[in-house]
Amino acid sequence: MAVTIRDVARLAGVDPGTVSRALTRPGLVNDATRLRVLQAVRDAGYVPNASARAVRRGGTGSIALVVLDIGNPFFTELTSAVESCAQESGRLVDLFSSGADARREERVLEHVLQLRPDGVVVMPLDPEHPLLHRMSATGTPVVVLGHRVRRNRLSSVRGDEGCSGREVARHLVELGHRRVLLAGPLETPRLAGARRALTAASATAELRITGRAGLQDGRAVGETVAGTPARRRPTAVFCNNDMMALGLLQFARERHIRVPEDLAVVGYDDTALASAASGVGLTSVRTPPERIGAAAVRLLSEEAAGVQARRDVVVRPRLHVRASTVGQPPVRSR
C-alpha cells in the first residue's frame, strides 16, 4: 500500500496540513517542525504526487533560469547543462538575463515570481534578494548559483572560489611573478583569495575595478597595464572571467605585448570559445558548468519532493595551465 500524507503526519506527530505546508511552503513552518516532517518523509519513504501538486500550484512544467550575462559563453554552457537535466524530468527551461544590472534583475525576478515556475535557478547580484525568499515562501523551490545563502535559507551551488584564487596565485608565484594585477567588476571571492595568497607570498597584488566584466573591460585593463611605468608595471593579470581575459589578449596582440613573456594572463570559467578566439591557449580556472547545472536541478527536485533539507553544494574548480602563462611548448624537429 502506498504511503500517504496522513502516514507522514502520524509519524511526525503533526496534522496533514502541516506536512503539506512543510513540503510546499516551508517558509510558513518553523525549522524544528519542518526538519521533523522531512525526517518522517524519509523514514516512511513517502513520495509526493508531483502532478497533483503542480495542478494545485498552477505548475508550468518549466524551470526559470536567471543568469548574469547571456553573452558570456560560460552561461551558454550552463544553460545547456540545465536544459539537459531538466529534460530528463520532462521540464522546459525559460531563460532570463539580468545583464548584471540591479534594476533589471529586480524586474526579471518580479516577472519570474508572477510566472510561478516549478523551480528557479538563479545567479543573482544579491543572494539575499527579498524576491528570492518570497518565491521560496510561496512554495517555489529556488537554487542560488555562485553564493551561499545565510543559514541555508535557500539551496545553493557554487565553486570553491577562494581555493581557486589561491591556486592561481601559487601558479603565478611559482613562475616568478611578483607584481600581479587582479581585475574584475568587484573583488569577488576568487580575486580576494588570490590577493591574500599573493600578499602572503610577499608579492604585490593590485585590484583594478572595472565597469563590468566583458571584452571592453579587458581592453581597458590592457590600457592600464600599458600606461603603468615599467618599474611598477604588473607582469601578470588575473581576470575575473574569460571574456575579460580575451579582451586583454586582443589588446596585447594589437600593441605587440608578448604573452606570456611581457605579460601573463589568467582567465576564469575555461570556456572553449574564449580560448579558441584568443589565438593563445588561455590559462583558466574551470568550475564545470555541467556539474553545476546537474546539482542545481537535483536540488530543485529534492526540495519539490520534500525529501532533502536545503543545502549548499560546493564544486571544486580546477586550474588548466596553458600558453598564456607558460608559453608554447618547443616544436620538436623530426
C-alpha atoms as a PDB file:
ATOM      1  CA  MET A   1       0.000   0.000   0.000  1.00  0.00           C
ATOM      2  CA  ALA A   2       1.308   3.474  -0.922  1.00  0.00           C
ATOM      3  CA  VAL A   3       2.396   5.738   1.899  1.00  0.00           C
ATOM      4  CA  THR A   4       0.071   8.743   2.287  1.00  0.00           C
ATOM      5  CA  ILE A   5       0.487  12.209   3.709  1.00  0.00           C
ATOM      6  CA  ARG A   6      -1.556  11.079   6.724  1.00  0.00           C
ATOM      7  CA  ASP A   7       1.025   8.370   7.447  1.00  0.00           C
ATOM      8  CA  VAL A   8       3.772  11.008   7.416  1.00  0.00           C
ATOM      9  CA  ALA A   9       1.714  13.289   9.686  1.00  0.00           C
ATOM     10  CA  ARG A  10       1.167  10.490  12.178  1.00  0.00           C
ATOM     11  CA  LEU A  11       4.894   9.644  12.198  1.00  0.00           C
ATOM     12  CA  ALA A  12       5.901  13.301  12.660  1.00  0.00           C
ATOM     13  CA  GLY A  13       3.242  13.985  15.291  1.00  0.00           C
ATOM     14  CA  VAL A  14       1.586  16.786  13.304  1.00  0.00           C
ATOM     15  CA  ASP A  15      -1.567  17.218  11.244  1.00  0.00           C
ATOM     16  CA  PRO A  16      -1.614  16.568   7.455  1.00  0.00           C
ATOM     17  CA  GLY A  17      -1.943  20.298   6.742  1.00  0.00           C
ATOM     18  CA  THR A  18       1.378  20.947   8.484  1.00  0.00           C
ATOM     19  CA  VAL A  19       3.042  18.234   6.382  1.00  0.00           C
ATOM     20  CA  SER A  20       1.679  19.853   3.223  1.00  0.00           C
ATOM     21  CA  ARG A  21       2.930  23.288   4.249  1.00  0.00           C
ATOM     22  CA  ALA A  22       6.340  21.911   5.249  1.00  0.00           C
ATOM     23  CA  LEU A  23       6.738  20.383   1.788  1.00  0.00           C
ATOM     24  CA  THR A  24       5.249  23.119  -0.388  1.00  0.00           C
ATOM     25  CA  ARG A  25       5.500  26.333   1.666  1.00  0.00           C
ATOM     26  CA  PRO A  26       8.379  25.744   4.105  1.00  0.00           C
ATOM     27  CA  GLY A  27       8.617  29.416   4.991  1.00  0.00           C
ATOM     28  CA  LEU A  28       5.322  29.052   6.906  1.00  0.00           C
ATOM     29  CA  VAL A  29       6.639  26.266   9.173  1.00  0.00           C
ATOM     30  CA  ASN A  30       9.249  26.645  11.913  1.00  0.00           C
ATOM     31  CA  ASP A  31      12.578  24.916  11.330  1.00  0.00           C
ATOM     32  CA  ALA A  32      12.184  22.275  14.040  1.00  0.00           C
ATOM     33  CA  THR A  33       8.803  21.125  12.714  1.00  0.00           C
ATOM     34  CA  ARG A  34       9.954  21.199   9.097  1.00  0.00           C
ATOM     35  CA  LEU A  35      13.002  19.057   9.868  1.00  0.00           C
ATOM     36  CA  ARG A  36      10.806  16.597  11.816  1.00  0.00           C
ATOM     37  CA  VAL A  37       8.452  16.330   8.836  1.00  0.00           C
ATOM     38  CA  LEU A  38      11.347  15.822   6.392  1.00  0.00           C
ATOM     39  CA  GLN A  39      12.739  13.057   8.598  1.00  0.00           C
ATOM     40  CA  ALA A  40       9.321  11.400   8.684  1.00  0.00           C
ATOM     41  CA  VAL A  41       9.119  11.642   4.881  1.00  0.00           C
ATOM     42  CA  ARG A  42      12.451   9.842   4.570  1.00  0.00           C
ATOM     43  CA  ASP A  43      11.599   7.238   7.204  1.00  0.00           C
ATOM     44  CA  ALA A  44       8.220   6.466   5.630  1.00  0.00           C
ATOM     45  CA  GLY A  45       9.506   6.501   2.054  1.00  0.00           C
ATOM     46  CA  TYR A  46       6.807   8.984   1.083  1.00  0.00           C
ATOM     47  CA  VAL A  47       6.887  10.317  -2.486  1.00  0.00           C
ATOM     48  CA  PRO A  48       4.608  13.345  -3.031  1.00  0.00           C
ATOM     49  CA  ASN A  49       2.343  13.321  -6.050  1.00  0.00           C
ATOM     50  CA  ALA A  50       4.160  15.854  -8.212  1.00  0.00           C
ATOM     51  CA  SER A  51       1.366  16.007 -10.797  1.00  0.00           C
ATOM     52  CA  ALA A  52      -1.291  16.787  -8.213  1.00  0.00           C
ATOM     53  CA  ARG A  53       0.941  19.379  -6.574  1.00  0.00           C
ATOM     54  CA  ALA A  54       1.586  21.057  -9.924  1.00  0.00           C
ATOM     55  CA  VAL A  55      -2.164  21.329 -10.543  1.00  0.00           C
ATOM     56  CA  ARG A  56      -2.750  22.830  -7.088  1.00  0.00           C
ATOM     57  CA  ARG A  57       0.103  25.311  -7.508  1.00  0.00           C
ATOM     58  CA  GLY A  58      -0.619  26.074 -11.134  1.00  0.00           C
ATOM     59  CA  GLY A  59       2.649  24.400 -12.089  1.00  0.00           C
ATOM     60  CA  THR A  60       4.014  25.252 -15.514  1.00  0.00           C
ATOM     61  CA  GLY A  61       6.258  22.272 -16.238  1.00  0.00           C
ATOM     62  CA  SER A  62       9.166  24.672 -16.571  1.00  0.00           C
ATOM     63  CA  ILE A  63      12.244  25.885 -14.698  1.00  0.00           C
ATOM     64  CA  ALA A  64      13.257  29.542 -14.768  1.00  0.00           C
ATOM     65  CA  LEU A  65      16.994  30.099 -15.222  1.00  0.00           C
ATOM     66  CA  VAL A  66      18.262  33.623 -14.483  1.00  0.00           C
ATOM     67  CA  VAL A  67      21.866  34.385 -15.483  1.00  0.00           C
ATOM     68  CA  LEU A  68      24.048  37.480 -15.252  1.00  0.00           C
ATOM     69  CA  ASP A  69      25.145  37.799 -18.880  1.00  0.00           C
ATOM     70  CA  ILE A  70      23.601  35.838 -21.701  1.00  0.00           C
ATOM     71  CA  GLY A  71      26.524  36.812 -23.942  1.00  0.00           C
ATOM     72  CA  ASN A  72      29.101  35.095 -21.704  1.00  0.00           C
ATOM     73  CA  PRO A  73      29.992  31.629 -23.081  1.00  0.00           C
ATOM     74  CA  PHE A  74      30.030  30.213 -19.536  1.00  0.00           C
ATOM     75  CA  PHE A  75      26.302  30.861 -19.220  1.00  0.00           C
ATOM     76  CA  THR A  76      25.705  29.289 -22.630  1.00  0.00           C
ATOM     77  CA  GLU A  77      27.323  26.097 -21.338  1.00  0.00           C
ATOM     78  CA  LEU A  78      25.430  26.350 -18.037  1.00  0.00           C
ATOM     79  CA  THR A  79      22.103  26.794 -19.843  1.00  0.00           C
ATOM     80  CA  SER A  80      22.782  23.714 -21.951  1.00  0.00           C
ATOM     81  CA  ALA A  81      23.541  21.693 -18.804  1.00  0.00           C
ATOM     82  CA  VAL A  82      20.379  22.831 -17.000  1.00  0.00           C
ATOM     83  CA  GLU A  83      18.254  22.156 -20.089  1.00  0.00           C
ATOM     84  CA  SER A  84      19.696  18.655 -20.446  1.00  0.00           C
ATOM     85  CA  CYS A  85      18.965  17.755 -16.833  1.00  0.00           C
ATOM     86  CA  ALA A  86      15.510  19.384 -16.837  1.00  0.00           C
ATOM     87  CA  GLN A  87      14.577  17.457 -19.973  1.00  0.00           C
ATOM     88  CA  GLU A  88      15.049  14.186 -18.103  1.00  0.00           C
ATOM     89  CA  SER A  89      12.117  15.141 -15.854  1.00  0.00           C
ATOM     90  CA  GLY A  90      10.016  16.460 -18.727  1.00  0.00           C
ATOM     91  CA  ARG A  91      10.552  20.131 -17.943  1.00  0.00           C
ATOM     92  CA  LEU A  92      11.453  23.031 -20.181  1.00  0.00           C
ATOM     93  CA  VAL A  93      13.786  25.910 -19.274  1.00  0.00           C
ATOM     94  CA  ASP A  94      12.807  29.583 -19.538  1.00  0.00           C
ATOM     95  CA  LEU A  95      15.983  31.681 -19.802  1.00  0.00           C
ATOM     96  CA  PHE A  96      16.324  35.226 -18.458  1.00  0.00           C
ATOM     97  CA  SER A  97      19.311  37.569 -18.183  1.00  0.00           C
ATOM     98  CA  SER A  98      19.730  40.330 -15.615  1.00  0.00           C
ATOM     99  CA  GLY A  99      22.588  41.861 -17.592  1.00  0.00           C
ATOM    100  CA  ALA A 100      24.394  42.225 -14.238  1.00  0.00           C
ATOM    101  CA  ASP A 101      22.154  45.245 -13.610  1.00  0.00           C
ATOM    102  CA  ALA A 102      20.356  45.566 -10.256  1.00  0.00           C
ATOM    103  CA  ARG A 103      17.243  47.287 -11.639  1.00  0.00           C
ATOM    104  CA  ARG A 104      16.900  44.825 -14.472  1.00  0.00           C
ATOM    105  CA  GLU A 105      17.387  41.945 -12.036  1.00  0.00           C
ATOM    106  CA  GLU A 106      14.519  43.320  -9.939  1.00  0.00           C
ATOM    107  CA  ARG A 107      12.209  43.365 -12.976  1.00  0.00           C
ATOM    108  CA  VAL A 108      13.248  39.863 -14.049  1.00  0.00           C
ATOM    109  CA  LEU A 109      12.657  38.407 -10.573  1.00  0.00           C
ATOM    110  CA  GLU A 110       9.249  40.131 -10.333  1.00  0.00           C
ATOM    111  CA  HIS A 111       8.322  38.570 -13.673  1.00  0.00           C
ATOM    112  CA  VAL A 112       9.533  35.122 -12.631  1.00  0.00           C
ATOM    113  CA  LEU A 113       7.562  35.398  -9.376  1.00  0.00           C
ATOM    114  CA  GLN A 114       4.385  36.016 -11.379  1.00  0.00           C
ATOM    115  CA  LEU A 115       5.129  33.084 -13.710  1.00  0.00           C
ATOM    116  CA  ARG A 116       5.243  30.652 -10.753  1.00  0.00           C
ATOM    117  CA  PRO A 117       7.539  28.096 -12.443  1.00  0.00           C
ATOM    118  CA  ASP A 118       8.199  24.683 -10.932  1.00  0.00           C
ATOM    119  CA  GLY A 119      11.613  25.921  -9.785  1.00  0.00           C
ATOM    120  CA  VAL A 120      14.089  28.768 -10.144  1.00  0.00           C
ATOM    121  CA  VAL A 121      17.851  28.541 -10.724  1.00  0.00           C
ATOM    122  CA  VAL A 122      19.449  31.967 -10.408  1.00  0.00           C
ATOM    123  CA  MET A 123      22.881  33.575 -10.310  1.00  0.00           C
ATOM    124  CA  PRO A 124      21.949  36.842  -8.588  1.00  0.00           C
ATOM    125  CA  LEU A 125      23.793  40.042  -7.856  1.00  0.00           C
ATOM    126  CA  ASP A 126      22.323  39.843  -4.343  1.00  0.00           C
ATOM    127  CA  PRO A 127      21.886  36.288  -2.989  1.00  0.00           C
ATOM    128  CA  GLU A 128      19.717  37.697  -0.175  1.00  0.00           C
ATOM    129  CA  HIS A 129      17.315  39.487  -2.531  1.00  0.00           C
ATOM    130  CA  PRO A 130      13.855  39.605  -0.858  1.00  0.00           C
ATOM    131  CA  LEU A 131      12.135  38.378  -4.024  1.00  0.00           C
ATOM    132  CA  LEU A 132      14.098  35.117  -3.903  1.00  0.00           C
ATOM    133  CA  HIS A 133      12.875  34.460  -0.376  1.00  0.00           C
ATOM    134  CA  ARG A 134       9.371  35.491  -1.392  1.00  0.00           C
ATOM    135  CA  MET A 135       9.395  32.899  -4.180  1.00  0.00           C
ATOM    136  CA  SER A 136      10.516  30.261  -1.715  1.00  0.00           C
ATOM    137  CA  ALA A 137       7.857  31.257   0.813  1.00  0.00           C
ATOM    138  CA  THR A 138       5.154  30.718  -1.810  1.00  0.00           C
ATOM    139  CA  GLY A 139       6.356  27.169  -2.417  1.00  0.00           C
ATOM    140  CA  THR A 140       8.644  27.639  -5.431  1.00  0.00           C
ATOM    141  CA  PRO A 141      11.997  25.877  -4.926  1.00  0.00           C
ATOM    142  CA  VAL A 142      14.923  28.259  -5.507  1.00  0.00           C
ATOM    143  CA  VAL A 143      18.584  27.374  -6.057  1.00  0.00           C
ATOM    144  CA  VAL A 144      21.164  30.170  -5.948  1.00  0.00           C
ATOM    145  CA  LEU A 145      24.349  29.818  -8.005  1.00  0.00           C
ATOM    146  CA  GLY A 146      27.721  31.292  -7.068  1.00  0.00           C
ATOM    147  CA  HIS A 147      26.833  32.266  -3.496  1.00  0.00           C
ATOM    148  CA  ARG A 148      25.972  30.639  -0.205  1.00  0.00           C
ATOM    149  CA  VAL A 149      22.776  31.990   1.349  1.00  0.00           C
ATOM    150  CA  ARG A 150      22.892  32.739   5.076  1.00  0.00           C
ATOM    151  CA  ARG A 151      21.782  29.817   7.262  1.00  0.00           C
ATOM    152  CA  ASN A 152      20.987  27.828   4.081  1.00  0.00           C
ATOM    153  CA  ARG A 153      17.628  29.581   3.803  1.00  0.00           C
ATOM    154  CA  LEU A 154      17.868  28.747   0.106  1.00  0.00           C
ATOM    155  CA  SER A 155      19.764  25.902  -1.546  1.00  0.00           C
ATOM    156  CA  SER A 156      22.927  26.872  -3.390  1.00  0.00           C
ATOM    157  CA  VAL A 157      25.605  25.554  -5.748  1.00  0.00           C
ATOM    158  CA  ARG A 158      28.964  27.288  -6.025  1.00  0.00           C
ATOM    159  CA  GLY A 159      32.586  26.760  -6.860  1.00  0.00           C
ATOM    160  CA  ASP A 160      35.219  26.995  -4.147  1.00  0.00           C
ATOM    161  CA  GLU A 161      36.428  30.346  -5.444  1.00  0.00           C
ATOM    162  CA  GLY A 162      38.757  31.132  -2.553  1.00  0.00           C
ATOM    163  CA  CYS A 163      40.589  27.873  -3.222  1.00  0.00           C
ATOM    164  CA  SER A 164      40.807  28.517  -6.965  1.00  0.00           C
ATOM    165  CA  GLY A 165      42.107  32.050  -6.382  1.00  0.00           C
ATOM    166  CA  ARG A 166      44.857  30.681  -4.160  1.00  0.00           C
ATOM    167  CA  GLU A 167      45.748  28.114  -6.819  1.00  0.00           C
ATOM    168  CA  VAL A 168      46.099  30.848  -9.451  1.00  0.00           C
ATOM    169  CA  ALA A 169      48.321  32.854  -7.083  1.00  0.00           C
ATOM    170  CA  ARG A 170      50.578  29.847  -6.411  1.00  0.00           C
ATOM    171  CA  HIS A 171      50.915  29.213 -10.124  1.00  0.00           C
ATOM    172  CA  LEU A 172      51.960  32.798 -10.858  1.00  0.00           C
ATOM    173  CA  VAL A 173      54.365  32.983  -7.912  1.00  0.00           C
ATOM    174  CA  GLU A 174      55.999  29.716  -8.980  1.00  0.00           C
ATOM    175  CA  LEU A 175      56.574  31.296 -12.398  1.00  0.00           C
ATOM    176  CA  GLY A 176      58.384  34.195 -10.712  1.00  0.00           C
ATOM    177  CA  HIS A 177      55.708  36.899 -10.882  1.00  0.00           C
ATOM    178  CA  ARG A 178      55.865  39.450  -8.069  1.00  0.00           C
ATOM    179  CA  ARG A 179      53.597  42.195  -9.458  1.00  0.00           C
ATOM    180  CA  VAL A 180      50.111  40.904 -10.262  1.00  0.00           C
ATOM    181  CA  LEU A 181      47.009  42.859 -11.270  1.00  0.00           C
ATOM    182  CA  LEU A 182      43.618  41.450 -10.252  1.00  0.00           C
ATOM    183  CA  ALA A 183      40.804  42.712 -12.488  1.00  0.00           C
ATOM    184  CA  GLY A 184      37.037  42.474 -12.122  1.00  0.00           C
ATOM    185  CA  PRO A 185      33.791  44.409 -11.552  1.00  0.00           C
ATOM    186  CA  LEU A 186      34.320  43.960  -7.802  1.00  0.00           C
ATOM    187  CA  GLU A 187      36.595  41.978  -5.517  1.00  0.00           C
ATOM    188  CA  THR A 188      34.963  38.603  -5.982  1.00  0.00           C
ATOM    189  CA  PRO A 189      35.933  35.664  -3.721  1.00  0.00           C
ATOM    190  CA  ARG A 190      38.223  34.328  -6.471  1.00  0.00           C
ATOM    191  CA  LEU A 191      40.135  37.615  -6.665  1.00  0.00           C
ATOM    192  CA  ALA A 192      40.170  38.007  -2.883  1.00  0.00           C
ATOM    193  CA  GLY A 193      41.612  34.504  -2.479  1.00  0.00           C
ATOM    194  CA  ALA A 194      44.345  35.317  -4.980  1.00  0.00           C
ATOM    195  CA  ARG A 195      45.114  38.659  -3.307  1.00  0.00           C
ATOM    196  CA  ARG A 196      45.553  37.079   0.126  1.00  0.00           C
ATOM    197  CA  ALA A 197      47.782  34.302  -1.251  1.00  0.00           C
ATOM    198  CA  LEU A 198      49.920  36.755  -3.227  1.00  0.00           C
ATOM    199  CA  THR A 199      50.347  39.011  -0.196  1.00  0.00           C
ATOM    200  CA  ALA A 200      51.351  36.002   1.914  1.00  0.00           C
ATOM    201  CA  ALA A 201      53.996  35.199  -0.719  1.00  0.00           C
ATOM    202  CA  SER A 202      55.370  38.776  -0.495  1.00  0.00           C
ATOM    203  CA  ALA A 203      54.105  39.599  -3.993  1.00  0.00           C
ATOM    204  CA  THR A 204      52.346  42.856  -4.882  1.00  0.00           C
ATOM    205  CA  ALA A 205      48.666  42.408  -5.706  1.00  0.00           C
ATOM    206  CA  GLU A 206      46.730  45.403  -7.015  1.00  0.00           C
ATOM    207  CA  LEU A 207      42.978  45.383  -7.619  1.00  0.00           C
ATOM    208  CA  ARG A 208      41.566  47.072 -10.732  1.00  0.00           C
ATOM    209  CA  ILE A 209      37.785  47.537 -10.506  1.00  0.00           C
ATOM    210  CA  THR A 210      36.151  47.547 -13.945  1.00  0.00           C
ATOM    211  CA  GLY A 211      32.685  48.667 -15.035  1.00  0.00           C
ATOM    212  CA  ARG A 212      31.553  45.155 -15.863  1.00  0.00           C
ATOM    213  CA  ALA A 213      33.357  42.001 -16.966  1.00  0.00           C
ATOM    214  CA  GLY A 214      33.282  41.933 -20.743  1.00  0.00           C
ATOM    215  CA  LEU A 215      35.635  42.287 -23.692  1.00  0.00           C
ATOM    216  CA  GLN A 216      35.866  46.068 -23.493  1.00  0.00           C
ATOM    217  CA  ASP A 217      36.644  45.899 -19.784  1.00  0.00           C
ATOM    218  CA  GLY A 218      39.530  43.563 -20.576  1.00  0.00           C
ATOM    219  CA  ARG A 219      40.831  46.005 -23.142  1.00  0.00           C
ATOM    220  CA  ALA A 220      40.593  48.799 -20.568  1.00  0.00           C
ATOM    221  CA  VAL A 221      42.720  46.689 -18.228  1.00  0.00           C
ATOM    222  CA  GLY A 222      45.288  46.455 -21.039  1.00  0.00           C
ATOM    223  CA  GLU A 223      45.353  50.251 -21.255  1.00  0.00           C
ATOM    224  CA  THR A 224      46.014  50.389 -17.517  1.00  0.00           C
ATOM    225  CA  VAL A 225      48.902  47.933 -17.804  1.00  0.00           C
ATOM    226  CA  ALA A 226      50.440  49.689 -20.809  1.00  0.00           C
ATOM    227  CA  GLY A 227      50.199  53.068 -19.066  1.00  0.00           C
ATOM    228  CA  THR A 228      51.950  51.953 -15.894  1.00  0.00           C
ATOM    229  CA  PRO A 229      55.662  52.872 -15.557  1.00  0.00           C
ATOM    230  CA  ALA A 230      57.902  49.889 -16.293  1.00  0.00           C
ATOM    231  CA  ARG A 231      59.277  49.611 -12.762  1.00  0.00           C
ATOM    232  CA  ARG A 232      55.731  49.245 -11.369  1.00  0.00           C
ATOM    233  CA  ARG A 233      54.070  47.520 -14.320  1.00  0.00           C
ATOM    234  CA  PRO A 234      52.403  44.188 -13.492  1.00  0.00           C
ATOM    235  CA  THR A 235      53.874  41.130 -15.144  1.00  0.00           C
ATOM    236  CA  ALA A 236      50.683  39.101 -14.801  1.00  0.00           C
ATOM    237  CA  VAL A 237      46.918  39.750 -14.753  1.00  0.00           C
ATOM    238  CA  PHE A 238      44.252  37.520 -13.233  1.00  0.00           C
ATOM    239  CA  CYS A 239      40.922  38.413 -14.862  1.00  0.00           C
ATOM    240  CA  ASN A 240      37.577  37.724 -13.209  1.00  0.00           C
ATOM    241  CA  ASN A 241      36.396  35.783 -16.261  1.00  0.00           C
ATOM    242  CA  ASP A 242      37.479  34.576 -19.697  1.00  0.00           C
ATOM    243  CA  MET A 243      35.734  37.380 -21.574  1.00  0.00           C
ATOM    244  CA  MET A 244      37.864  39.971 -19.809  1.00  0.00           C
ATOM    245  CA  ALA A 245      40.965  37.876 -20.452  1.00  0.00           C
ATOM    246  CA  LEU A 246      40.047  37.655 -24.144  1.00  0.00           C
ATOM    247  CA  GLY A 247      39.724  41.450 -24.374  1.00  0.00           C
ATOM    248  CA  LEU A 248      43.104  41.851 -22.674  1.00  0.00           C
ATOM    249  CA  LEU A 249      44.742  39.362 -25.047  1.00  0.00           C
ATOM    250  CA  GLN A 250      43.286  41.190 -28.044  1.00  0.00           C
ATOM    251  CA  PHE A 251      44.742  44.463 -26.737  1.00  0.00           C
ATOM    252  CA  ALA A 252      48.127  42.842 -26.103  1.00  0.00           C
ATOM    253  CA  ARG A 253      48.269  41.478 -29.644  1.00  0.00           C
ATOM    254  CA  GLU A 254      47.427  44.882 -31.150  1.00  0.00           C
ATOM    255  CA  ARG A 255      50.076  46.626 -29.019  1.00  0.00           C
ATOM    256  CA  HIS A 256      52.701  43.954 -29.663  1.00  0.00           C
ATOM    257  CA  ILE A 257      52.827  42.995 -25.975  1.00  0.00           C
ATOM    258  CA  ARG A 258      54.202  39.481 -25.867  1.00  0.00           C
ATOM    259  CA  VAL A 259      52.180  36.883 -23.936  1.00  0.00           C
ATOM    260  CA  PRO A 260      53.454  35.499 -21.630  1.00  0.00           C
ATOM    261  CA  GLU A 261      56.975  36.947 -21.973  1.00  0.00           C
ATOM    262  CA  ASP A 262      55.854  40.526 -21.246  1.00  0.00           C
ATOM    263  CA  LEU A 263      52.513  39.788 -19.627  1.00  0.00           C
ATOM    264  CA  ALA A 264      50.990  36.540 -18.345  1.00  0.00           C
ATOM    265  CA  VAL A 265      47.173  36.315 -18.455  1.00  0.00           C
ATOM    266  CA  VAL A 266      44.815  34.081 -16.464  1.00  0.00           C
ATOM    267  CA  GLY A 267      41.059  33.848 -17.007  1.00  0.00           C
ATOM    268  CA  TYR A 268      38.205  32.141 -15.195  1.00  0.00           C
ATOM    269  CA  ASP A 269      35.469  29.746 -16.458  1.00  0.00           C
ATOM    270  CA  ASP A 270      37.657  27.949 -19.056  1.00  0.00           C
ATOM    271  CA  THR A 271      35.168  28.421 -21.863  1.00  0.00           C
ATOM    272  CA  ALA A 272      36.107  26.777 -25.158  1.00  0.00           C
ATOM    273  CA  LEU A 273      35.117  29.859 -27.170  1.00  0.00           C
ATOM    274  CA  ALA A 274      37.360  32.285 -25.272  1.00  0.00           C
ATOM    275  CA  SER A 275      40.418  30.083 -25.500  1.00  0.00           C
ATOM    276  CA  ALA A 276      39.896  29.401 -29.205  1.00  0.00           C
ATOM    277  CA  ALA A 277      39.244  33.057 -30.066  1.00  0.00           C
ATOM    278  CA  SER A 278      42.263  34.355 -28.179  1.00  0.00           C
ATOM    279  CA  GLY A 279      44.834  32.900 -30.574  1.00  0.00           C
ATOM    280  CA  VAL A 280      46.732  31.827 -27.440  1.00  0.00           C
ATOM    281  CA  GLY A 281      45.946  28.887 -25.199  1.00  0.00           C
ATOM    282  CA  LEU A 282      44.340  30.639 -22.234  1.00  0.00           C
ATOM    283  CA  THR A 283      45.259  29.523 -18.719  1.00  0.00           C
ATOM    284  CA  SER A 284      41.937  29.469 -16.903  1.00  0.00           C
ATOM    285  CA  VAL A 285      40.029  28.023 -13.960  1.00  0.00           C
ATOM    286  CA  ARG A 286      37.157  25.685 -14.747  1.00  0.00           C
ATOM    287  CA  THR A 287      34.199  25.046 -12.490  1.00  0.00           C
ATOM    288  CA  PRO A 288      32.375  22.508 -14.684  1.00  0.00           C
ATOM    289  CA  PRO A 289      29.023  24.048 -15.731  1.00  0.00           C
ATOM    290  CA  GLU A 290      27.652  20.570 -16.368  1.00  0.00           C
ATOM    291  CA  ARG A 291      28.196  19.679 -12.708  1.00  0.00           C
ATOM    292  CA  ILE A 292      26.747  22.977 -11.518  1.00  0.00           C
ATOM    293  CA  GLY A 293      23.659  22.558 -13.706  1.00  0.00           C
ATOM    294  CA  ALA A 294      23.114  18.944 -12.672  1.00  0.00           C
ATOM    295  CA  ALA A 295      23.471  19.789  -8.968  1.00  0.00           C
ATOM    296  CA  ALA A 296      21.054  22.716  -9.269  1.00  0.00           C
ATOM    297  CA  VAL A 297      18.325  20.681 -10.962  1.00  0.00           C
ATOM    298  CA  ARG A 298      18.819  17.866  -8.451  1.00  0.00           C
ATOM    299  CA  LEU A 299      18.390  20.294  -5.541  1.00  0.00           C
ATOM    300  CA  LEU A 300      15.197  21.659  -7.103  1.00  0.00           C
ATOM    301  CA  SER A 301      13.800  18.145  -7.447  1.00  0.00           C
ATOM    302  CA  GLU A 302      14.735  17.210  -3.872  1.00  0.00           C
ATOM    303  CA  GLU A 303      13.113  20.317  -2.447  1.00  0.00           C
ATOM    304  CA  ALA A 304       9.976  19.887  -4.566  1.00  0.00           C
ATOM    305  CA  ALA A 305       9.663  16.290  -3.351  1.00  0.00           C
ATOM    306  CA  GLY A 306      10.381  17.307   0.245  1.00  0.00           C
ATOM    307  CA  VAL A 307      12.992  14.588   0.703  1.00  0.00           C
ATOM    308  CA  GLN A 308      16.020  16.772   1.438  1.00  0.00           C
ATOM    309  CA  ALA A 309      16.597  19.890   3.533  1.00  0.00           C
ATOM    310  CA  ARG A 310      18.072  22.897   1.763  1.00  0.00           C
ATOM    311  CA  ARG A 311      21.819  22.692   1.457  1.00  0.00           C
ATOM    312  CA  ASP A 312      24.944  24.234  -0.016  1.00  0.00           C
ATOM    313  CA  VAL A 313      26.798  22.213  -2.675  1.00  0.00           C
ATOM    314  CA  VAL A 314      30.422  23.167  -3.342  1.00  0.00           C
ATOM    315  CA  VAL A 315      32.045  22.160  -6.655  1.00  0.00           C
ATOM    316  CA  ARG A 316      35.840  22.014  -6.721  1.00  0.00           C
ATOM    317  CA  PRO A 317      37.332  24.085  -9.584  1.00  0.00           C
ATOM    318  CA  ARG A 318      40.489  23.133 -11.459  1.00  0.00           C
ATOM    319  CA  LEU A 319      43.234  25.315 -12.941  1.00  0.00           C
ATOM    320  CA  HIS A 320      44.069  24.466 -16.552  1.00  0.00           C
ATOM    321  CA  VAL A 321      47.549  25.758 -17.400  1.00  0.00           C
ATOM    322  CA  ARG A 322      48.160  26.801 -20.998  1.00  0.00           C
ATOM    323  CA  ALA A 323      50.359  29.057 -23.123  1.00  0.00           C
ATOM    324  CA  SER A 324      49.117  32.415 -21.784  1.00  0.00           C
ATOM    325  CA  THR A 325      51.215  31.820 -18.647  1.00  0.00           C
ATOM    326  CA  VAL A 326      53.827  29.229 -19.594  1.00  0.00           C
ATOM    327  CA  GLY A 327      54.342  29.834 -23.306  1.00  0.00           C
ATOM    328  CA  GLN A 328      54.125  27.495 -26.241  1.00  0.00           C
ATOM    329  CA  PRO A 329      55.996  24.189 -25.991  1.00  0.00           C
ATOM    330  CA  PRO A 330      59.012  23.965 -28.295  1.00  0.00           C
ATOM    331  CA  VAL A 331      58.445  22.382 -31.677  1.00  0.00           C
ATOM    332  CA  ARG A 332      60.337  19.118 -31.926  1.00  0.00           C
ATOM    333  CA  SER A 333      62.303  18.549 -35.127  1.00  0.00           C
ATOM    334  CA  ARG A 334      61.785  15.238 -36.840  1.00  0.00           C
END
